[in-house]
Amino acid sequence: MLIDELKKAKISAMKEHDRIGANAFSLVINKHLMASIELRKQNKELNDADDVSLIQKSIKELEEEKAMYIANNRNESAQETQHQIDVLKIYLPKMMSEEEIREIISKLEDKSMKNVMVTFKTNYAGKVDMSLVSKVVRDIQK
């Protein structure tokens, strides 16, 4: 499972004295633990797609944090945050390109926004940027 890889990567980062990388892994591992506690109440478990989603959310939060550091002229903190982003991006699957998204949409019978979004959420979760899918659908519908 992906969470096991992240735990091993955290240990490796700690051994290499990469405090910043270890913090990035801790961030995602803690989010995984919190989410798994919530799902256990519903008798469900997290899967790798959920973990990919957690990584994506963490990267988005880190990018916002980095932008704030840059706006406040705190370049060292911005570089540390970028290192965390780079460390986490390694564990994301390759995201689908706009061309691949267009190809899949062209094969769909119903090209309505709702149907396309449901199709991508159920079949390609974690492998596609949903905002890009939305943009492509809007472009096609023009």
N, C-alpha and C. Protein backbone atom coordinates (compact mmCIF):
# COMPACT_ATOMS: atom_id res chain seq x y z
N MET A 1 0.83 -1.19 0.00
CA MET A 1 0.00 0.00 0.00
C MET A 1 0.87 1.25 0.00
N LEU A 2 0.32 2.31 -0.49
CA LEU A 2 1.04 3.57 -0.61
C LEU A 2 1.46 4.12 0.75
N ILE A 3 0.61 3.96 1.75
CA ILE A 3 0.94 4.49 3.08
C ILE A 3 2.19 3.81 3.64
N ASP A 4 2.36 2.52 3.33
CA ASP A 4 3.56 1.81 3.78
C ASP A 4 4.81 2.37 3.12
N GLU A 5 4.70 2.72 1.84
CA GLU A 5 5.82 3.33 1.13
C GLU A 5 6.17 4.68 1.76
N LEU A 6 5.16 5.44 2.12
CA LEU A 6 5.38 6.74 2.74
C LEU A 6 6.05 6.61 4.10
N LYS A 7 5.65 5.60 4.85
CA LYS A 7 6.28 5.37 6.16
C LYS A 7 7.74 5.00 6.01
N LYS A 8 8.05 4.15 5.02
CA LYS A 8 9.45 3.77 4.76
C LYS A 8 10.25 4.98 4.30
N ALA A 9 9.63 5.82 3.47
CA ALA A 9 10.30 7.02 2.98
C ALA A 9 10.58 7.98 4.13
N LYS A 10 9.68 8.06 5.08
CA LYS A 10 9.90 8.94 6.25
C LYS A 10 11.09 8.44 7.06
N ILE A 11 11.15 7.14 7.26
CA ILE A 11 12.27 6.57 8.01
C ILE A 11 13.57 6.83 7.27
N SER A 12 13.55 6.64 5.98
CA SER A 12 14.74 6.90 5.16
C SER A 12 15.16 8.36 5.24
N ALA A 13 14.20 9.26 5.17
CA ALA A 13 14.51 10.70 5.27
C ALA A 13 15.10 11.04 6.63
N MET A 14 14.59 10.40 7.67
CA MET A 14 15.13 10.64 9.01
C MET A 14 16.56 10.14 9.11
N LYS A 15 16.84 8.98 8.52
CA LYS A 15 18.20 8.44 8.54
C LYS A 15 19.17 9.34 7.79
N GLU A 16 18.66 10.00 6.74
CA GLU A 16 19.49 10.89 5.93
C GLU A 16 19.53 12.31 6.50
N HIS A 17 18.92 12.49 7.67
CA HIS A 17 18.85 13.78 8.34
C HIS A 17 18.15 14.84 7.48
N ASP A 18 17.16 14.39 6.70
CA ASP A 18 16.35 15.29 5.89
C ASP A 18 15.09 15.63 6.70
N ARG A 19 15.25 16.59 7.59
CA ARG A 19 14.17 16.99 8.50
C ARG A 19 12.95 17.48 7.72
N ILE A 20 13.19 18.23 6.66
CA ILE A 20 12.10 18.81 5.88
C ILE A 20 11.31 17.73 5.15
N GLY A 21 12.01 16.79 4.53
CA GLY A 21 11.35 15.68 3.86
C GLY A 21 10.56 14.82 4.83
N ALA A 22 11.16 14.54 5.98
CA ALA A 22 10.48 13.74 7.00
C ALA A 22 9.20 14.44 7.47
N ASN A 23 9.25 15.76 7.58
CA ASN A 23 8.06 16.52 7.98
C ASN A 23 6.95 16.39 6.94
N ALA A 24 7.34 16.40 5.66
CA ALA A 24 6.35 16.25 4.59
C ALA A 24 5.65 14.89 4.70
N PHE A 25 6.43 13.85 4.92
CA PHE A 25 5.85 12.51 5.04
C PHE A 25 4.97 12.42 6.29
N SER A 26 5.42 13.03 7.39
CA SER A 26 4.63 13.02 8.62
C SER A 26 3.28 13.68 8.40
N LEU A 27 3.28 14.76 7.65
CA LEU A 27 2.04 15.48 7.35
C LEU A 27 1.02 14.54 6.71
N VAL A 28 1.43 13.81 5.69
CA VAL A 28 0.51 12.92 4.98
C VAL A 28 0.14 11.71 5.85
N ILE A 29 1.11 11.17 6.55
CA ILE A 29 0.84 10.01 7.41
C ILE A 29 -0.18 10.38 8.49
N ASN A 30 -0.04 11.56 9.07
CA ASN A 30 -1.00 12.00 10.09
C ASN A 30 -2.39 12.20 9.50
N LYS A 31 -2.46 12.76 8.30
CA LYS A 31 -3.76 12.92 7.64
C LYS A 31 -4.38 11.55 7.36
N HIS A 32 -3.54 10.59 6.98
CA HIS A 32 -4.02 9.23 6.72
C HIS A 32 -4.61 8.64 8.01
N LEU A 33 -3.90 8.81 9.11
CA LEU A 33 -4.39 8.26 10.38
C LEU A 33 -5.72 8.90 10.80
N MET A 34 -5.82 10.22 10.63
CA MET A 34 -7.05 10.89 11.01
C MET A 34 -8.22 10.43 10.12
N ALA A 35 -7.96 10.31 8.83
CA ALA A 35 -9.01 9.88 7.90
C ALA A 35 -9.41 8.43 8.18
N SER A 36 -8.43 7.59 8.49
CA SER A 36 -8.76 6.18 8.75
C SER A 36 -9.59 6.03 10.02
N ILE A 37 -9.34 6.87 11.02
CA ILE A 37 -10.14 6.84 12.24
C ILE A 37 -11.59 7.20 11.92
N GLU A 38 -11.76 8.25 11.11
CA GLU A 38 -13.11 8.66 10.73
C GLU A 38 -13.84 7.56 9.95
N LEU A 39 -13.11 6.91 9.02
CA LEU A 39 -13.75 5.87 8.21
C LEU A 39 -14.03 4.61 9.00
N ARG A 40 -13.20 4.33 10.01
CA ARG A 40 -13.44 3.14 10.83
C ARG A 40 -14.78 3.22 11.54
N LYS A 41 -15.19 4.44 11.87
CA LYS A 41 -16.49 4.63 12.52
C LYS A 41 -17.61 4.17 11.59
N GLN A 42 -17.36 4.23 10.28
CA GLN A 42 -18.34 3.82 9.27
C GLN A 42 -18.06 2.42 8.74
N ASN A 43 -17.15 1.70 9.38
CA ASN A 43 -16.73 0.36 8.97
C ASN A 43 -16.15 0.34 7.56
N LYS A 44 -15.37 1.36 7.23
CA LYS A 44 -14.70 1.44 5.93
C LYS A 44 -13.20 1.61 6.17
N GLU A 45 -12.43 1.39 5.10
CA GLU A 45 -10.99 1.56 5.19
C GLU A 45 -10.49 2.43 4.05
N LEU A 46 -9.35 3.07 4.28
CA LEU A 46 -8.73 3.87 3.23
C LEU A 46 -8.04 2.97 2.22
N ASN A 47 -8.04 3.40 0.96
CA ASN A 47 -7.31 2.67 -0.06
C ASN A 47 -6.27 3.60 -0.67
N ASP A 48 -5.53 3.11 -1.66
CA ASP A 48 -4.46 3.90 -2.25
C ASP A 48 -5.00 5.16 -2.94
N ALA A 49 -6.18 5.08 -3.53
CA ALA A 49 -6.77 6.25 -4.18
C ALA A 49 -7.03 7.35 -3.15
N ASP A 50 -7.47 6.95 -1.95
CA ASP A 50 -7.68 7.92 -0.87
C ASP A 50 -6.36 8.55 -0.45
N ASP A 51 -5.31 7.73 -0.39
CA ASP A 51 -4.00 8.25 -0.01
C ASP A 51 -3.46 9.20 -1.07
N VAL A 52 -3.69 8.90 -2.34
CA VAL A 52 -3.28 9.81 -3.42
C VAL A 52 -4.00 11.14 -3.25
N SER A 53 -5.28 11.07 -2.92
CA SER A 53 -6.05 12.29 -2.70
C SER A 53 -5.49 13.09 -1.53
N LEU A 54 -5.09 12.41 -0.47
CA LEU A 54 -4.48 13.09 0.68
C LEU A 54 -3.18 13.78 0.29
N ILE A 55 -2.38 13.10 -0.53
CA ILE A 55 -1.12 13.69 -0.99
C ILE A 55 -1.40 14.92 -1.84
N GLN A 56 -2.38 14.81 -2.74
CA GLN A 56 -2.73 15.94 -3.60
C GLN A 56 -3.19 17.14 -2.76
N LYS A 57 -4.01 16.89 -1.76
CA LYS A 57 -4.49 17.97 -0.90
C LYS A 57 -3.33 18.59 -0.13
N SER A 58 -2.42 17.75 0.34
CA SER A 58 -1.26 18.25 1.09
C SER A 58 -0.38 19.12 0.20
N ILE A 59 -0.18 18.69 -1.04
CA ILE A 59 0.64 19.46 -1.98
C ILE A 59 -0.03 20.81 -2.26
N LYS A 60 -1.34 20.79 -2.42
CA LYS A 60 -2.06 22.04 -2.68
C LYS A 60 -1.90 22.99 -1.50
N GLU A 61 -2.03 22.47 -0.28
CA GLU A 61 -1.85 23.30 0.91
C GLU A 61 -0.43 23.85 0.99
N LEU A 62 0.55 23.01 0.67
CA LEU A 62 1.94 23.44 0.71
C LEU A 62 2.22 24.51 -0.35
N GLU A 63 1.60 24.39 -1.51
CA GLU A 63 1.78 25.40 -2.55
C GLU A 63 1.20 26.74 -2.12
N GLU A 64 0.06 26.71 -1.43
CA GLU A 64 -0.52 27.94 -0.89
C GLU A 64 0.39 28.55 0.17
N GLU A 65 0.95 27.69 1.01
CA GLU A 65 1.87 28.13 2.05
C GLU A 65 3.12 28.77 1.42
N LYS A 66 3.62 28.13 0.38
CA LYS A 66 4.80 28.65 -0.33
C LYS A 66 4.50 30.03 -0.93
N ALA A 67 3.33 30.19 -1.51
CA ALA A 67 2.95 31.48 -2.09
C ALA A 67 2.92 32.57 -1.02
N MET A 68 2.45 32.22 0.17
CA MET A 68 2.43 33.20 1.26
C MET A 68 3.85 33.57 1.67
N TYR A 69 4.73 32.58 1.73
CA TYR A 69 6.13 32.85 2.09
C TYR A 69 6.77 33.78 1.06
N ILE A 70 6.51 33.51 -0.21
CA ILE A 70 7.08 34.34 -1.27
C ILE A 70 6.53 35.76 -1.18
N ALA A 71 5.23 35.88 -0.93
CA ALA A 71 4.61 37.20 -0.81
C ALA A 71 5.19 38.00 0.35
N ASN A 72 5.61 37.30 1.39
CA ASN A 72 6.18 37.96 2.57
C ASN A 72 7.71 37.99 2.55
N ASN A 73 8.27 37.66 1.39
CA ASN A 73 9.72 37.73 1.19
C ASN A 73 10.50 36.80 2.13
N ARG A 74 9.96 35.63 2.37
CA ARG A 74 10.62 34.63 3.22
C ARG A 74 11.09 33.49 2.31
N ASN A 75 12.16 33.75 1.59
CA ASN A 75 12.63 32.83 0.56
C ASN A 75 13.12 31.49 1.11
N GLU A 76 13.77 31.49 2.27
CA GLU A 76 14.25 30.23 2.84
C GLU A 76 13.08 29.31 3.18
N SER A 77 12.04 29.86 3.77
CA SER A 77 10.85 29.06 4.10
C SER A 77 10.17 28.57 2.83
N ALA A 78 10.16 29.41 1.80
CA ALA A 78 9.56 29.02 0.52
C ALA A 78 10.34 27.85 -0.09
N GLN A 79 11.67 27.89 0.02
CA GLN A 79 12.49 26.79 -0.52
C GLN A 79 12.25 25.50 0.25
N GLU A 80 12.11 25.59 1.56
CA GLU A 80 11.82 24.40 2.37
C GLU A 80 10.47 23.80 1.99
N THR A 81 9.50 24.67 1.79
CA THR A 81 8.17 24.20 1.40
C THR A 81 8.22 23.56 0.02
N GLN A 82 9.00 24.13 -0.89
CA GLN A 82 9.14 23.54 -2.23
C GLN A 82 9.78 22.16 -2.13
N HIS A 83 10.73 21.99 -1.22
CA HIS A 83 11.35 20.68 -1.02
C HIS A 83 10.30 19.66 -0.56
N GLN A 84 9.41 20.07 0.33
CA GLN A 84 8.35 19.18 0.79
C GLN A 84 7.44 18.79 -0.38
N ILE A 85 7.11 19.76 -1.22
CA ILE A 85 6.26 19.50 -2.38
C ILE A 85 6.94 18.50 -3.31
N ASP A 86 8.23 18.71 -3.58
CA ASP A 86 8.98 17.82 -4.48
C ASP A 86 9.04 16.40 -3.94
N VAL A 87 9.22 16.28 -2.64
CA VAL A 87 9.31 14.96 -2.00
C VAL A 87 7.98 14.21 -2.14
N LEU A 88 6.88 14.92 -1.97
CA LEU A 88 5.56 14.26 -2.04
C LEU A 88 5.14 13.95 -3.46
N LYS A 89 5.52 14.79 -4.41
CA LYS A 89 5.10 14.58 -5.81
C LYS A 89 5.61 13.25 -6.37
N ILE A 90 6.69 12.74 -5.81
CA ILE A 90 7.24 11.46 -6.26
C ILE A 90 6.21 10.34 -6.11
N TYR A 91 5.33 10.47 -5.13
CA TYR A 91 4.39 9.40 -4.82
C TYR A 91 3.03 9.56 -5.51
N LEU A 92 2.92 10.57 -6.36
CA LEU A 92 1.69 10.74 -7.12
C LEU A 92 1.78 9.95 -8.42
N PRO A 93 0.68 9.38 -8.86
CA PRO A 93 0.70 8.72 -10.18
C PRO A 93 0.81 9.78 -11.27
N LYS A 94 1.23 9.35 -12.44
CA LYS A 94 1.33 10.27 -13.57
C LYS A 94 -0.08 10.77 -13.88
N MET A 95 -0.22 12.08 -13.94
CA MET A 95 -1.52 12.68 -14.21
C MET A 95 -1.82 12.63 -15.71
N MET A 96 -3.09 12.50 -16.03
CA MET A 96 -3.51 12.43 -17.42
C MET A 96 -3.35 13.80 -18.08
N SER A 97 -2.95 13.79 -19.33
CA SER A 97 -2.79 15.04 -20.08
C SER A 97 -4.14 15.50 -20.62
N GLU A 98 -4.18 16.72 -21.10
CA GLU A 98 -5.41 17.27 -21.66
C GLU A 98 -5.85 16.45 -22.88
N GLU A 99 -4.88 15.98 -23.67
CA GLU A 99 -5.21 15.18 -24.86
C GLU A 99 -5.87 13.86 -24.46
N GLU A 100 -5.32 13.22 -23.42
CA GLU A 100 -5.90 11.95 -22.95
C GLU A 100 -7.32 12.17 -22.44
N ILE A 101 -7.53 13.28 -21.74
CA ILE A 101 -8.87 13.60 -21.23
C ILE A 101 -9.84 13.80 -22.40
N ARG A 102 -9.41 14.56 -23.39
CA ARG A 102 -10.26 14.81 -24.57
C ARG A 102 -10.62 13.50 -25.26
N GLU A 103 -9.65 12.60 -25.36
CA GLU A 103 -9.88 11.31 -26.02
C GLU A 103 -10.94 10.50 -25.28
N ILE A 104 -10.84 10.47 -23.97
CA ILE A 104 -11.81 9.71 -23.17
C ILE A 104 -13.20 10.33 -23.30
N ILE A 105 -13.26 11.66 -23.24
CA ILE A 105 -14.55 12.34 -23.36
C ILE A 105 -15.17 12.08 -24.72
N SER A 106 -14.35 12.06 -25.77
CA SER A 106 -14.88 11.84 -27.12
C SER A 106 -15.52 10.45 -27.26
N LYS A 107 -15.08 9.50 -26.46
CA LYS A 107 -15.63 8.14 -26.52
C LYS A 107 -16.92 8.00 -25.70
N LEU A 108 -17.22 9.00 -24.88
CA LEU A 108 -18.43 8.93 -24.06
C LEU A 108 -19.66 9.25 -24.89
N GLU A 109 -20.75 8.53 -24.59
CA GLU A 109 -22.01 8.79 -25.28
C GLU A 109 -22.61 10.11 -24.82
N ASP A 110 -22.70 10.27 -23.50
CA ASP A 110 -23.27 11.48 -22.90
C ASP A 110 -22.11 12.39 -22.49
N LYS A 111 -21.99 13.54 -23.15
CA LYS A 111 -20.89 14.44 -22.88
C LYS A 111 -21.31 15.60 -21.98
N SER A 112 -22.37 15.42 -21.21
CA SER A 112 -22.81 16.46 -20.29
C SER A 112 -21.79 16.59 -19.16
N MET A 113 -21.70 17.77 -18.58
CA MET A 113 -20.73 18.03 -17.50
C MET A 113 -20.89 17.01 -16.38
N LYS A 114 -22.13 16.77 -15.96
CA LYS A 114 -22.39 15.85 -14.85
C LYS A 114 -21.88 14.45 -15.17
N ASN A 115 -22.22 13.92 -16.33
CA ASN A 115 -21.82 12.57 -16.69
C ASN A 115 -20.30 12.45 -16.81
N VAL A 116 -19.67 13.44 -17.43
CA VAL A 116 -18.21 13.39 -17.61
C VAL A 116 -17.52 13.42 -16.25
N MET A 117 -17.97 14.31 -15.37
CA MET A 117 -17.34 14.42 -14.04
C MET A 117 -17.51 13.12 -13.24
N VAL A 118 -18.69 12.53 -13.30
CA VAL A 118 -18.93 11.26 -12.59
C VAL A 118 -18.03 10.17 -13.16
N THR A 119 -17.91 10.11 -14.48
CA THR A 119 -17.07 9.10 -15.13
C THR A 119 -15.63 9.22 -14.68
N PHE A 120 -15.11 10.43 -14.69
CA PHE A 120 -13.71 10.63 -14.30
C PHE A 120 -13.49 10.40 -12.81
N LYS A 121 -14.46 10.81 -11.99
CA LYS A 121 -14.31 10.60 -10.54
C LYS A 121 -14.30 9.11 -10.19
N THR A 122 -15.14 8.33 -10.86
CA THR A 122 -15.22 6.91 -10.51
C THR A 122 -14.11 6.09 -11.15
N ASN A 123 -13.72 6.43 -12.37
CA ASN A 123 -12.76 5.59 -13.10
C ASN A 123 -11.32 6.08 -13.06
N TYR A 124 -11.11 7.36 -12.82
CA TYR A 124 -9.76 7.92 -12.91
C TYR A 124 -9.37 8.75 -11.69
N ALA A 125 -9.97 8.47 -10.56
CA ALA A 125 -9.68 9.22 -9.33
C ALA A 125 -8.19 9.14 -9.01
N GLY A 126 -7.61 10.30 -8.74
CA GLY A 126 -6.19 10.36 -8.39
C GLY A 126 -5.26 10.40 -9.59
N LYS A 127 -5.80 10.16 -10.77
CA LYS A 127 -4.96 10.13 -11.97
C LYS A 127 -5.24 11.33 -12.87
N VAL A 128 -6.19 12.16 -12.45
CA VAL A 128 -6.59 13.29 -13.29
C VAL A 128 -6.92 14.49 -12.40
N ASP A 129 -6.59 15.65 -12.90
CA ASP A 129 -6.93 16.89 -12.23
C ASP A 129 -8.37 17.24 -12.64
N MET A 130 -9.28 17.18 -11.69
CA MET A 130 -10.70 17.38 -12.01
C MET A 130 -10.98 18.78 -12.54
N SER A 131 -10.21 19.77 -12.12
CA SER A 131 -10.42 21.11 -12.66
C SER A 131 -10.05 21.16 -14.14
N LEU A 132 -9.07 20.38 -14.54
CA LEU A 132 -8.70 20.30 -15.96
C LEU A 132 -9.81 19.61 -16.75
N VAL A 133 -10.38 18.57 -16.17
CA VAL A 133 -11.50 17.88 -16.83
C VAL A 133 -12.65 18.86 -17.04
N SER A 134 -12.97 19.63 -16.03
CA SER A 134 -14.04 20.62 -16.12
C SER A 134 -13.75 21.63 -17.23
N LYS A 135 -12.52 22.09 -17.30
CA LYS A 135 -12.12 23.06 -18.32
C LYS A 135 -12.27 22.46 -19.72
N VAL A 136 -11.84 21.21 -19.89
CA VAL A 136 -11.93 20.55 -21.19
C VAL A 136 -13.39 20.38 -21.60
N VAL A 137 -14.23 20.00 -20.65
CA VAL A 137 -15.66 19.82 -20.97
C VAL A 137 -16.26 21.15 -21.41
N ARG A 138 -15.93 22.23 -20.70
CA ARG A 138 -16.45 23.55 -21.08
C ARG A 138 -15.96 23.94 -22.46
N ASP A 139 -14.71 23.64 -22.78
CA ASP A 139 -14.17 23.94 -24.11
C ASP A 139 -14.92 23.16 -25.20
N ILE A 140 -15.21 21.90 -24.93
CA ILE A 140 -15.90 21.05 -25.90
C ILE A 140 -17.34 21.53 -26.10
N GLN A 141 -17.98 21.97 -25.04
CA GLN A 141 -19.39 22.37 -25.12
C GLN A 141 -19.60 23.72 -25.78
N LYS A 142 -18.52 24.46 -26.02
CA LYS A 142 -18.66 25.79 -26.65
C LYS A 142 -19.08 25.68 -28.09
